């Protein structure tokens, strides 16, 4: 079984104040979710604020949300 490609729609972004977001990653396979406060605005700019985010940036955000 192939793992589905990660996409921007797998994430929910909520502004938590100046310079940080609360990001939730929802697994498209299991439906489980992980939430983390992200202070790295370069990662937010590369994912949330991008029309076509790179897969490596989405994978990095997923790893940060999951705590890896």
N, C-alpha and C. Protein backbone atom coordinates (compact mmCIF):
# COMPACT_ATOMS: atom_id res chain seq x y z
N UNK A 1 0.83 -1.18 0.00
CA UNK A 1 0.00 0.00 0.00
C UNK A 1 0.88 1.25 0.00
N UNK A 2 0.58 2.17 -0.91
CA UNK A 2 1.33 3.42 -0.98
C UNK A 2 0.84 4.40 0.07
N UNK A 3 1.76 5.16 0.60
CA UNK A 3 1.37 6.21 1.53
C UNK A 3 0.93 7.41 0.71
N UNK A 4 -0.17 8.04 1.09
CA UNK A 4 -0.62 9.21 0.32
C UNK A 4 0.37 10.35 0.46
N UNK A 5 0.47 11.15 -0.59
CA UNK A 5 1.37 12.29 -0.54
C UNK A 5 0.87 13.30 0.46
N UNK A 6 1.81 13.93 1.11
CA UNK A 6 1.47 14.96 2.10
C UNK A 6 1.07 16.23 1.34
N UNK A 7 0.09 16.94 1.88
CA UNK A 7 -0.34 18.18 1.24
C UNK A 7 -0.61 19.23 2.29
N UNK A 8 -0.73 20.44 1.83
CA UNK A 8 -0.98 21.58 2.71
C UNK A 8 -2.31 21.42 3.45
N UNK A 9 -3.26 20.72 2.83
CA UNK A 9 -4.57 20.55 3.45
C UNK A 9 -4.54 19.59 4.65
N UNK A 10 -3.42 18.90 4.87
CA UNK A 10 -3.27 18.03 6.04
C UNK A 10 -2.97 18.83 7.31
N UNK A 11 -2.79 20.14 7.17
CA UNK A 11 -2.41 21.00 8.29
C UNK A 11 -3.48 22.05 8.54
N UNK A 12 -3.62 22.42 9.81
CA UNK A 12 -4.46 23.55 10.20
C UNK A 12 -3.56 24.53 10.93
N UNK A 13 -3.65 25.80 10.56
CA UNK A 13 -2.82 26.84 11.14
C UNK A 13 -3.71 27.83 11.89
N UNK A 14 -3.30 28.15 13.12
CA UNK A 14 -4.03 29.14 13.91
C UNK A 14 -3.02 30.12 14.50
N UNK A 15 -3.21 31.38 14.21
CA UNK A 15 -2.33 32.41 14.74
C UNK A 15 -2.45 32.45 16.25
N UNK A 16 -1.31 32.34 16.93
CA UNK A 16 -1.32 32.28 18.40
C UNK A 16 -0.67 33.52 19.01
N UNK A 17 -0.39 34.50 18.20
CA UNK A 17 0.28 35.70 18.68
C UNK A 17 1.36 36.08 17.71
N UNK A 18 2.03 37.16 18.01
CA UNK A 18 3.07 37.64 17.11
C UNK A 18 4.22 36.64 17.03
N UNK A 19 4.48 36.14 15.83
CA UNK A 19 5.64 35.28 15.61
C UNK A 19 5.45 33.81 15.90
N UNK A 20 4.24 33.36 16.16
CA UNK A 20 4.05 31.92 16.32
C UNK A 20 2.62 31.49 15.98
N UNK A 21 2.54 30.25 15.53
CA UNK A 21 1.30 29.64 15.12
C UNK A 21 1.10 28.32 15.87
N UNK A 22 -0.14 27.96 16.10
CA UNK A 22 -0.47 26.63 16.57
C UNK A 22 -0.81 25.83 15.32
N UNK A 23 -0.03 24.79 15.07
CA UNK A 23 -0.20 24.00 13.86
C UNK A 23 -0.65 22.59 14.25
N UNK A 24 -1.68 22.11 13.57
CA UNK A 24 -2.18 20.76 13.78
C UNK A 24 -1.99 19.98 12.50
N UNK A 25 -1.32 18.82 12.61
CA UNK A 25 -1.18 17.90 11.49
C UNK A 25 -2.18 16.77 11.68
N UNK A 26 -3.00 16.51 10.67
CA UNK A 26 -3.99 15.43 10.72
C UNK A 26 -3.59 14.39 9.69
N UNK A 27 -3.33 13.17 10.15
CA UNK A 27 -2.91 12.09 9.26
C UNK A 27 -4.07 11.71 8.33
N UNK A 28 -3.82 11.71 7.01
CA UNK A 28 -4.89 11.33 6.08
C UNK A 28 -5.20 9.83 6.13
N UNK A 29 -4.29 9.03 6.66
CA UNK A 29 -4.48 7.58 6.72
C UNK A 29 -5.25 7.17 7.96
N UNK A 30 -4.81 7.63 9.13
CA UNK A 30 -5.40 7.17 10.40
C UNK A 30 -6.38 8.15 11.01
N UNK A 31 -6.28 9.43 10.63
CA UNK A 31 -7.13 10.43 11.24
C UNK A 31 -6.60 10.95 12.57
N UNK A 32 -5.47 10.42 13.02
CA UNK A 32 -4.86 10.91 14.25
C UNK A 32 -4.30 12.31 14.01
N UNK A 33 -4.17 13.09 15.07
CA UNK A 33 -3.65 14.44 14.90
C UNK A 33 -2.64 14.78 15.98
N UNK A 34 -1.74 15.68 15.63
CA UNK A 34 -0.71 16.18 16.54
C UNK A 34 -0.70 17.69 16.44
N UNK A 35 -0.55 18.36 17.57
CA UNK A 35 -0.58 19.82 17.61
C UNK A 35 0.69 20.33 18.28
N UNK A 36 1.24 21.39 17.72
CA UNK A 36 2.46 21.97 18.25
C UNK A 36 2.45 23.48 18.00
N UNK A 37 3.01 24.24 18.91
CA UNK A 37 3.20 25.67 18.69
C UNK A 37 4.52 25.85 17.95
N UNK A 38 4.46 26.50 16.80
CA UNK A 38 5.63 26.67 15.95
C UNK A 38 6.09 28.13 16.03
N UNK A 39 7.37 28.32 16.37
CA UNK A 39 7.94 29.66 16.46
C UNK A 39 8.83 29.96 15.26
N UNK A 40 9.10 28.96 14.43
CA UNK A 40 9.97 29.11 13.27
C UNK A 40 9.17 29.68 12.10
N UNK A 41 9.21 30.99 11.95
CA UNK A 41 8.41 31.64 10.91
C UNK A 41 8.92 31.33 9.50
N UNK A 42 10.16 30.92 9.35
CA UNK A 42 10.63 30.53 8.02
C UNK A 42 9.92 29.26 7.56
N UNK A 43 9.65 28.35 8.49
CA UNK A 43 8.91 27.14 8.18
C UNK A 43 7.44 27.45 7.88
N UNK A 44 6.86 28.38 8.61
CA UNK A 44 5.48 28.81 8.34
C UNK A 44 5.40 29.49 6.97
N UNK A 45 6.36 30.34 6.67
CA UNK A 45 6.37 31.02 5.36
C UNK A 45 6.52 30.02 4.22
N UNK A 46 7.30 28.97 4.44
CA UNK A 46 7.55 27.98 3.39
C UNK A 46 6.36 27.04 3.19
N UNK A 47 5.45 27.00 4.15
CA UNK A 47 4.31 26.07 4.04
C UNK A 47 2.99 26.83 3.95
N UNK A 48 2.59 27.47 5.01
CA UNK A 48 1.28 28.14 5.05
C UNK A 48 1.20 29.29 4.05
N UNK A 49 2.24 30.10 3.98
CA UNK A 49 2.21 31.30 3.14
C UNK A 49 2.67 31.06 1.71
N UNK A 50 2.83 29.81 1.33
CA UNK A 50 3.27 29.47 -0.03
C UNK A 50 2.10 28.88 -0.81
N UNK A 51 1.99 29.28 -2.08
CA UNK A 51 0.94 28.72 -2.93
C UNK A 51 1.22 27.26 -3.25
N UNK A 52 2.47 26.92 -3.49
CA UNK A 52 2.88 25.54 -3.79
C UNK A 52 4.06 25.16 -2.90
N UNK A 53 3.77 24.76 -1.66
CA UNK A 53 4.88 24.41 -0.75
C UNK A 53 5.61 23.16 -1.21
N UNK A 54 6.92 23.14 -0.96
CA UNK A 54 7.74 21.98 -1.32
C UNK A 54 7.41 20.82 -0.38
N UNK A 55 7.53 19.63 -0.92
CA UNK A 55 7.23 18.44 -0.11
C UNK A 55 8.18 18.34 1.09
N UNK A 56 9.44 18.69 0.89
CA UNK A 56 10.40 18.60 2.00
C UNK A 56 10.02 19.56 3.13
N UNK A 57 9.46 20.73 2.80
CA UNK A 57 9.03 21.66 3.85
C UNK A 57 7.81 21.12 4.59
N UNK A 58 6.88 20.50 3.86
CA UNK A 58 5.71 19.90 4.50
C UNK A 58 6.11 18.73 5.39
N UNK A 59 7.07 17.93 4.93
CA UNK A 59 7.56 16.81 5.74
C UNK A 59 8.24 17.31 7.01
N UNK A 60 9.00 18.40 6.89
CA UNK A 60 9.67 18.98 8.05
C UNK A 60 8.64 19.49 9.06
N UNK A 61 7.59 20.15 8.58
CA UNK A 61 6.55 20.63 9.47
C UNK A 61 5.83 19.46 10.14
N UNK A 62 5.61 18.39 9.41
CA UNK A 62 4.99 17.19 9.98
C UNK A 62 5.86 16.62 11.09
N UNK A 63 7.17 16.52 10.86
CA UNK A 63 8.08 16.00 11.88
C UNK A 63 8.09 16.88 13.13
N UNK A 64 8.05 18.18 12.93
CA UNK A 64 8.02 19.09 14.09
C UNK A 64 6.73 18.91 14.87
N UNK A 65 5.60 18.81 14.17
CA UNK A 65 4.30 18.61 14.85
C UNK A 65 4.26 17.30 15.62
N UNK A 66 4.84 16.26 15.04
CA UNK A 66 4.82 14.96 15.69
C UNK A 66 5.88 14.84 16.78
N UNK A 67 6.81 15.80 16.85
CA UNK A 67 7.82 15.77 17.89
C UNK A 67 9.02 14.89 17.58
N UNK A 68 9.26 14.62 16.30
CA UNK A 68 10.42 13.79 15.91
C UNK A 68 11.66 14.61 15.76
